């Protein structure tokens, strides 16, 4: 997983199991692609930049 995502969304912790990691990981990826603005994309979100 990308270091920025791990640090920004607090996923750099140790989870008890894969099942415990799935929900926060999915939430972080959704925020990264649907909410977070990206400088390299002219301050657009990835999913809107692509479409």
N, C-alpha and C. Protein backbone atom coordinates (compact mmCIF):
# COMPACT_ATOMS: atom_id res chain seq x y z
N UNK A 1 0.84 -1.17 0.00
CA UNK A 1 0.00 0.00 0.00
C UNK A 1 0.89 1.23 0.00
N UNK A 2 0.45 2.25 -0.67
CA UNK A 2 1.19 3.50 -0.79
C UNK A 2 1.40 4.13 0.59
N UNK A 3 2.60 4.60 0.86
CA UNK A 3 2.94 5.16 2.17
C UNK A 3 2.05 6.34 2.54
N UNK A 4 1.74 7.22 1.58
CA UNK A 4 0.88 8.37 1.88
C UNK A 4 -0.48 7.92 2.41
N UNK A 5 -1.05 6.92 1.80
CA UNK A 5 -2.36 6.43 2.24
C UNK A 5 -2.24 5.83 3.64
N UNK A 6 -1.22 5.05 3.87
CA UNK A 6 -1.05 4.42 5.19
C UNK A 6 -0.93 5.47 6.28
N UNK A 7 -0.12 6.49 6.06
CA UNK A 7 0.10 7.50 7.08
C UNK A 7 -1.09 8.45 7.22
N UNK A 8 -1.63 8.88 6.11
CA UNK A 8 -2.72 9.86 6.13
C UNK A 8 -4.00 9.29 6.74
N UNK A 9 -4.26 8.02 6.50
CA UNK A 9 -5.49 7.41 6.98
C UNK A 9 -5.25 6.42 8.12
N UNK A 10 -4.09 6.54 8.77
CA UNK A 10 -3.76 5.75 9.97
C UNK A 10 -3.85 4.24 9.74
N UNK A 11 -3.37 3.81 8.59
CA UNK A 11 -3.36 2.38 8.30
C UNK A 11 -1.99 1.77 8.54
N UNK A 12 -1.11 2.53 9.17
CA UNK A 12 0.23 2.01 9.45
C UNK A 12 0.28 1.28 10.79
N UNK A 13 -0.86 0.88 11.27
CA UNK A 13 -0.95 0.10 12.50
C UNK A 13 -0.98 -1.40 12.18
N UNK A 14 -0.87 -2.20 13.19
CA UNK A 14 -0.96 -3.65 13.01
C UNK A 14 -2.38 -4.09 13.33
N UNK A 15 -2.99 -4.78 12.40
CA UNK A 15 -4.35 -5.28 12.59
C UNK A 15 -4.30 -6.72 13.07
N UNK A 16 -5.33 -7.12 13.81
CA UNK A 16 -5.39 -8.48 14.34
C UNK A 16 -5.54 -9.52 13.24
N UNK A 17 -6.20 -9.14 12.16
CA UNK A 17 -6.43 -10.08 11.07
C UNK A 17 -6.73 -9.31 9.79
N UNK A 18 -6.75 -10.03 8.70
CA UNK A 18 -7.11 -9.42 7.41
C UNK A 18 -8.53 -8.88 7.48
N UNK A 19 -9.41 -9.61 8.12
CA UNK A 19 -10.81 -9.18 8.24
C UNK A 19 -10.91 -7.83 8.95
N UNK A 20 -10.10 -7.63 9.99
CA UNK A 20 -10.11 -6.36 10.71
C UNK A 20 -9.52 -5.22 9.89
N UNK A 21 -8.67 -5.53 8.95
CA UNK A 21 -8.03 -4.50 8.12
C UNK A 21 -8.88 -4.09 6.93
N UNK A 22 -9.77 -4.95 6.49
CA UNK A 22 -10.52 -4.68 5.25
C UNK A 22 -11.36 -3.41 5.31
N UNK A 23 -12.14 -3.23 6.35
CA UNK A 23 -13.05 -2.08 6.41
C UNK A 23 -12.30 -0.75 6.41
N UNK A 24 -11.32 -0.54 7.29
CA UNK A 24 -10.61 0.74 7.26
C UNK A 24 -9.82 0.96 5.96
N UNK A 25 -9.34 -0.13 5.37
CA UNK A 25 -8.61 0.00 4.11
C UNK A 25 -9.55 0.43 2.99
N UNK A 26 -10.71 -0.19 2.89
CA UNK A 26 -11.69 0.20 1.87
C UNK A 26 -12.12 1.64 2.05
N UNK A 27 -12.33 2.05 3.30
CA UNK A 27 -12.73 3.42 3.59
C UNK A 27 -11.64 4.40 3.17
N UNK A 28 -10.39 4.08 3.46
CA UNK A 28 -9.27 4.95 3.11
C UNK A 28 -9.12 5.08 1.60
N UNK A 29 -9.25 3.98 0.89
CA UNK A 29 -9.14 4.01 -0.57
C UNK A 29 -10.27 4.84 -1.17
N UNK A 30 -11.47 4.69 -0.63
CA UNK A 30 -12.60 5.48 -1.10
C UNK A 30 -12.35 6.97 -0.87
N UNK A 31 -11.90 7.34 0.32
CA UNK A 31 -11.60 8.74 0.60
C UNK A 31 -10.51 9.27 -0.32
N UNK A 32 -9.50 8.46 -0.56
CA UNK A 32 -8.38 8.85 -1.41
C UNK A 32 -8.85 9.10 -2.85
N UNK A 33 -9.76 8.28 -3.35
CA UNK A 33 -10.20 8.39 -4.74
C UNK A 33 -11.43 9.26 -4.94
N UNK A 34 -12.24 9.46 -3.90
CA UNK A 34 -13.51 10.17 -4.05
C UNK A 34 -13.56 11.53 -3.35
N UNK A 35 -12.67 11.77 -2.39
CA UNK A 35 -12.77 12.99 -1.59
C UNK A 35 -11.50 13.83 -1.64
N UNK A 36 -10.36 13.18 -1.48
CA UNK A 36 -9.09 13.89 -1.33
C UNK A 36 -8.66 14.53 -2.65
N UNK A 37 -8.35 15.82 -2.58
CA UNK A 37 -7.86 16.53 -3.76
C UNK A 37 -6.37 16.21 -3.95
N UNK A 38 -5.94 16.13 -5.21
CA UNK A 38 -4.56 15.76 -5.52
C UNK A 38 -3.89 16.88 -6.31
N UNK A 39 -2.78 17.35 -5.79
CA UNK A 39 -2.03 18.41 -6.44
C UNK A 39 -1.65 18.03 -7.87
N UNK A 40 -1.19 16.80 -8.05
CA UNK A 40 -0.73 16.36 -9.38
C UNK A 40 -1.87 16.27 -10.40
N UNK A 41 -3.11 16.34 -9.93
CA UNK A 41 -4.27 16.28 -10.82
C UNK A 41 -4.98 17.64 -10.85
N UNK A 42 -4.22 18.70 -10.66
CA UNK A 42 -4.77 20.06 -10.64
C UNK A 42 -5.88 20.20 -9.60
N UNK A 43 -5.63 19.65 -8.43
CA UNK A 43 -6.56 19.70 -7.30
C UNK A 43 -7.93 19.12 -7.62
N UNK A 44 -7.91 18.02 -8.35
CA UNK A 44 -9.13 17.26 -8.62
C UNK A 44 -9.01 15.92 -7.91
N UNK A 45 -10.14 15.25 -7.75
CA UNK A 45 -10.10 13.91 -7.18
C UNK A 45 -9.88 12.93 -8.32
N UNK A 46 -9.18 11.82 -8.08
CA UNK A 46 -8.83 10.90 -9.16
C UNK A 46 -10.02 10.41 -9.99
N UNK A 47 -11.10 10.02 -9.36
CA UNK A 47 -12.22 9.49 -10.13
C UNK A 47 -12.87 10.53 -11.02
N UNK A 48 -12.85 11.78 -10.64
CA UNK A 48 -13.40 12.84 -11.49
C UNK A 48 -12.40 13.24 -12.57
N UNK A 49 -11.13 13.15 -12.27
CA UNK A 49 -10.10 13.48 -13.25
C UNK A 49 -10.13 12.49 -14.41
N UNK A 50 -10.32 11.22 -14.09
CA UNK A 50 -10.35 10.17 -15.11
C UNK A 50 -11.60 10.29 -15.98
N UNK A 51 -12.72 10.56 -15.36
CA UNK A 51 -13.99 10.64 -16.09
C UNK A 51 -14.13 12.03 -16.61
